[in-house]
Amino acid sequence: MKYLCLVHCDPALFATLSPDERRALDEDSMAYDRELEKNGHFIAADVLANARSAKVVRVRDGKASHVDGPFAEVREQLCGFILIEARDLNVAIQLAGHIPMARHGSIEVRPIQSMDAAEGNAA
């Protein structure tokens, strides 16, 4: 089953890391991606640009609009993702617990739901 590990971080806290600490975190992250790949869990991963560069798109009454965003009143923001393959949620949680950014933020683990299953669970 596929799981999306959403990496959340506090940009202000991240900015306090020294260049050596950032380099070490990047190296640890790349090494963990390679480990996940070697063990058959890795699908994709990337870092997101700062949330200030984001746009929120909405379509209402057939008209699209976009605004700067996101506007969540939280310190932690979505800053990256890792898409993994795992036997079950427990394994996905264990794998997420080793993501190096978990030391500086949080990792949200969310199962990928197939479109067929989503149709049966529509709210």
Protein backbone atom coordinates (compact mmCIF):
# COMPACT_ATOMS: atom_id res chain seq x y z
CA MET A 1 0.00 0.00 0.00
CA LYS A 2 1.18 3.53 -0.69
CA TYR A 3 1.51 6.18 2.01
CA LEU A 4 2.28 9.87 1.69
CA CYS A 5 4.54 11.16 4.43
CA LEU A 6 3.89 14.90 4.63
CA VAL A 7 6.85 16.65 6.19
CA HIS A 8 5.89 19.70 8.28
CA CYS A 9 8.45 22.13 9.65
CA ASP A 10 8.66 25.53 11.27
CA PRO A 11 10.55 27.74 8.78
CA ALA A 12 11.69 30.03 11.62
CA LEU A 13 13.21 27.09 13.49
CA PHE A 14 14.75 25.73 10.31
CA ALA A 15 16.35 29.14 9.66
CA THR A 16 18.22 28.87 12.97
CA LEU A 17 20.18 25.84 11.77
CA SER A 18 23.79 26.55 10.89
CA PRO A 19 25.00 25.83 7.33
CA ASP A 20 26.75 22.70 8.65
CA GLU A 21 23.56 21.53 10.38
CA ARG A 22 21.54 22.08 7.18
CA ARG A 23 24.13 20.24 5.10
CA ALA A 24 24.10 17.33 7.57
CA LEU A 25 20.30 17.24 7.51
CA ASP A 26 20.31 17.21 3.69
CA GLU A 27 22.89 14.41 3.67
CA ASP A 28 20.92 12.40 6.24
CA SER A 29 17.72 12.90 4.23
CA MET A 30 19.30 11.76 0.97
CA ALA A 31 20.86 8.76 2.72
CA TYR A 32 17.49 7.77 4.17
CA ASP A 33 15.86 8.09 0.73
CA ARG A 34 18.53 5.70 -0.62
CA GLU A 35 17.89 3.30 2.28
CA LEU A 36 14.15 3.34 1.60
CA GLU A 37 14.85 2.72 -2.09
CA LYS A 38 17.23 -0.17 -1.34
CA ASN A 39 14.52 -1.79 0.82
CA GLY A 40 11.75 -1.33 -1.75
CA HIS A 41 9.83 1.39 0.11
CA PHE A 42 10.80 4.55 -1.80
CA ILE A 43 8.58 5.92 -4.57
CA ALA A 44 9.32 9.68 -4.63
CA ALA A 45 10.41 12.56 -2.41
CA ASP A 46 11.03 16.26 -2.73
CA VAL A 47 11.32 19.53 -0.85
CA LEU A 48 8.74 22.27 -1.33
CA ALA A 49 9.52 25.95 -1.80
CA ASN A 50 8.57 28.27 1.06
CA ALA A 51 4.82 28.54 1.64
CA ARG A 52 5.02 32.27 0.88
CA SER A 53 5.45 31.31 -2.79
CA ALA A 54 2.24 29.23 -2.81
CA LYS A 55 -1.03 30.13 -4.48
CA VAL A 56 -4.42 28.78 -3.47
CA VAL A 57 -6.76 28.11 -6.42
CA ARG A 58 -10.52 27.93 -6.01
CA VAL A 59 -13.30 27.46 -8.54
CA ARG A 60 -16.70 28.82 -7.51
CA ASP A 61 -19.69 29.03 -9.83
CA GLY A 62 -17.43 28.08 -12.72
CA LYS A 63 -14.97 30.92 -12.09
CA ALA A 64 -11.39 30.24 -11.05
CA SER A 65 -9.53 32.55 -8.71
CA HIS A 66 -6.20 32.37 -6.97
CA VAL A 67 -4.82 34.08 -3.90
CA ASP A 68 -1.56 34.01 -2.03
CA GLY A 69 -1.54 31.24 0.48
CA PRO A 70 -1.76 29.19 2.53
CA PHE A 71 -3.28 31.17 5.37
CA ALA A 72 -3.22 28.58 8.13
CA GLU A 73 -2.47 30.06 11.54
CA VAL A 74 0.17 27.50 12.45
CA ARG A 75 3.92 27.61 12.92
CA GLU A 76 4.60 24.37 11.08
CA GLN A 77 4.04 24.37 7.35
CA LEU A 78 4.19 21.69 4.70
CA CYS A 79 7.80 21.68 3.54
CA GLY A 80 8.20 18.36 1.72
CA PHE A 81 6.96 14.87 1.11
CA ILE A 82 8.04 11.27 0.76
CA LEU A 83 5.81 8.80 -1.04
CA ILE A 84 6.47 5.28 0.22
CA GLU A 85 5.26 1.73 -0.21
CA ALA A 86 4.64 -0.20 3.01
CA ARG A 87 2.87 -3.40 4.02
CA ASP A 88 0.56 -1.54 6.41
CA LEU A 89 0.11 1.64 8.42
CA ASN A 90 2.28 0.39 11.30
CA VAL A 91 5.24 -0.15 8.97
CA ALA A 92 4.62 3.25 7.34
CA ILE A 93 4.65 4.91 10.78
CA GLN A 94 7.89 3.14 11.67
CA LEU A 95 9.49 4.28 8.40
CA ALA A 96 8.24 7.85 8.92
CA GLY A 97 9.79 7.88 12.38
CA HIS A 98 13.23 7.59 10.78
CA ILE A 99 12.79 10.53 8.40
CA PRO A 100 15.53 12.96 9.47
CA MET A 101 13.22 16.00 9.33
CA ALA A 102 11.13 14.41 12.11
CA ARG A 103 13.88 15.68 14.45
CA HIS A 104 12.96 19.26 13.52
CA GLY A 105 9.26 19.05 12.69
CA SER A 106 6.56 16.45 12.27
CA ILE A 107 5.59 13.81 9.73
CA GLU A 108 1.95 13.22 8.82
CA VAL A 109 1.43 9.70 7.44
CA ARG A 110 -1.58 9.41 5.17
CA PRO A 111 -2.66 6.32 3.20
CA ILE A 112 -3.13 6.78 -0.53
CA GLN A 113 -6.69 5.78 -1.32
CA SER A 114 -7.50 4.32 -4.73
CA MET A 115 -10.12 6.14 -6.78
CA ASP A 116 -12.38 3.07 -6.62
CA ALA A 117 -12.24 3.06 -2.82
CA ALA A 118 -12.70 6.83 -2.72
CA GLU A 119 -15.95 6.57 -4.67
CA GLY A 120 -17.31 4.15 -2.08
CA ASN A 121 -16.30 6.49 0.78
CA ALA A 122 -17.49 9.80 -0.64
CA ALA A 123 -18.80 12.07 2.10
